Amino acid sequence: MRALLEEKGADAGSGLRLFVEKGGCAGWQYGMSIDVVHEGDATVERDGMKFFVDVESGEKLRGSVIDYCDDLTGTGFRIQNPNAARSCGCGTSFETAEAAAAS
């Protein structure tokens, strides 16, 4: 993460923004970007790195674990989301329990 921030020329207040938006094959998809904190964001600091989540995304990501993996199945961030009732095969989109119950 540090190397990525340095490569992008990010300043000391920058971190990884994690968000969800409508889309993907299961209804909601994950997104990530390098950003700075915005008013109303939840900020998590871990090992000197900052992670930002907006209020609406926070509701769908509450309790999630994000990890960086470099293994045979691919390299990148993986999200384990307890709010996902169903996920697509690629792991980048999900359906919430409320949406699954309404179907």
Protein backbone atom coordinates (compact mmCIF):
# COMPACT_ATOMS: atom_id res chain seq x y z
CA MET A 1 0.00 0.00 0.00
CA ARG A 2 2.82 2.39 0.86
CA ALA A 3 4.55 1.65 -2.44
CA LEU A 4 1.29 2.29 -4.32
CA LEU A 5 0.77 5.64 -2.59
CA GLU A 6 4.38 6.66 -3.30
CA GLU A 7 4.06 5.56 -6.94
CA LYS A 8 0.93 7.72 -7.35
CA GLY A 9 2.61 10.72 -5.67
CA ALA A 10 0.00 10.83 -2.92
CA ASP A 11 0.51 13.18 0.02
CA ALA A 12 0.75 12.19 3.69
CA GLY A 13 -3.02 12.54 4.25
CA SER A 14 -3.90 10.12 1.47
CA GLY A 15 -5.18 6.61 1.92
CA LEU A 16 -7.32 3.94 0.32
CA ARG A 17 -11.00 4.74 -0.12
CA LEU A 18 -13.24 1.67 -0.12
CA PHE A 19 -16.79 2.12 -1.39
CA VAL A 20 -19.74 0.29 -2.88
CA GLU A 21 -21.84 1.40 -5.82
CA LYS A 22 -24.76 -0.05 -7.74
CA GLY A 23 -23.63 -2.37 -10.49
CA GLY A 24 -21.97 -5.68 -11.12
CA CYS A 25 -23.76 -8.94 -11.72
CA ALA A 26 -25.04 -9.24 -8.13
CA GLY A 27 -26.39 -5.70 -7.57
CA TRP A 28 -23.56 -3.91 -5.71
CA GLN A 29 -19.90 -3.73 -6.61
CA TYR A 30 -16.81 -2.78 -4.66
CA GLY A 31 -14.64 0.13 -5.63
CA MET A 32 -11.31 1.44 -4.39
CA SER A 33 -9.38 4.62 -5.04
CA ILE A 34 -6.57 6.65 -3.56
CA ASP A 35 -8.15 9.64 -1.88
CA VAL A 36 -8.15 11.91 1.18
CA VAL A 37 -10.66 11.98 4.01
CA HIS A 38 -13.98 13.77 3.32
CA GLU A 39 -16.46 15.13 5.83
CA GLY A 40 -18.53 12.30 7.31
CA ASP A 41 -16.07 9.54 6.38
CA ALA A 42 -15.15 6.78 8.77
CA THR A 43 -11.37 6.53 8.97
CA VAL A 44 -9.50 3.40 9.98
CA GLU A 45 -5.75 3.40 10.50
CA ARG A 46 -3.83 0.14 10.41
CA ASP A 47 -0.05 -0.26 10.40
CA GLY A 48 0.35 3.43 9.51
CA MET A 49 -2.05 3.26 6.55
CA LYS A 50 -5.38 5.09 6.30
CA PHE A 51 -8.61 3.67 4.94
CA PHE A 52 -11.70 5.82 4.27
CA VAL A 53 -15.35 4.75 3.96
CA ASP A 54 -18.34 7.02 3.31
CA VAL A 55 -21.54 6.64 5.36
CA GLU A 56 -23.65 4.87 2.71
CA SER A 57 -20.90 2.39 1.86
CA GLY A 58 -20.20 1.85 5.55
CA GLU A 59 -23.67 0.40 6.05
CA LYS A 60 -22.97 -2.31 3.46
CA LEU A 61 -19.37 -2.87 4.52
CA ARG A 62 -19.84 -2.98 8.32
CA GLY A 63 -17.79 -5.84 9.76
CA SER A 64 -15.91 -6.48 6.51
CA VAL A 65 -12.28 -7.55 6.41
CA ILE A 66 -10.01 -6.31 3.63
CA ASP A 67 -6.76 -8.11 2.91
CA TYR A 68 -4.08 -7.90 0.27
CA CYS A 69 -3.31 -11.28 -1.27
CA ASP A 70 -0.62 -12.42 -3.66
CA ASP A 71 -1.28 -16.07 -4.46
CA LEU A 72 -2.17 -18.46 -7.26
CA THR A 73 -5.72 -17.13 -7.54
CA GLY A 74 -4.51 -13.57 -8.15
CA THR A 75 -2.96 -10.51 -6.65
CA GLY A 76 -4.94 -7.67 -5.09
CA PHE A 77 -7.28 -6.66 -2.33
CA ARG A 78 -9.94 -9.15 -1.23
CA ILE A 79 -12.98 -8.24 0.80
CA GLN A 80 -14.77 -10.63 3.14
CA ASN A 81 -18.15 -9.02 3.70
CA PRO A 82 -20.53 -10.52 6.30
CA ASN A 83 -23.37 -8.42 4.78
CA ALA A 84 -23.12 -10.19 1.43
CA ALA A 85 -25.84 -12.82 1.08
CA ARG A 86 -24.51 -13.77 -2.35
CA SER A 87 -21.37 -12.87 -4.29
CA CYS A 88 -20.53 -13.25 -7.93
CA GLY A 89 -17.81 -15.62 -9.09
CA CYS A 90 -15.27 -12.84 -9.63
CA GLY A 91 -15.70 -11.58 -6.04
CA THR A 92 -16.17 -7.93 -7.00
CA SER A 93 -19.93 -7.70 -6.67
CA PHE A 94 -22.45 -8.86 -4.09
CA GLU A 95 -26.09 -8.88 -3.07
CA THR A 96 -27.17 -7.78 0.42
CA ALA A 97 -29.36 -9.95 2.66
CA GLU A 98 -32.22 -7.40 2.33
CA ALA A 99 -32.15 -7.66 -1.48
CA ALA A 100 -31.97 -11.47 -1.34
CA ALA A 101 -35.01 -11.59 0.99
CA ALA A 102 -37.01 -9.33 -1.33
CA SER A 103 -36.34 -11.58 -4.35
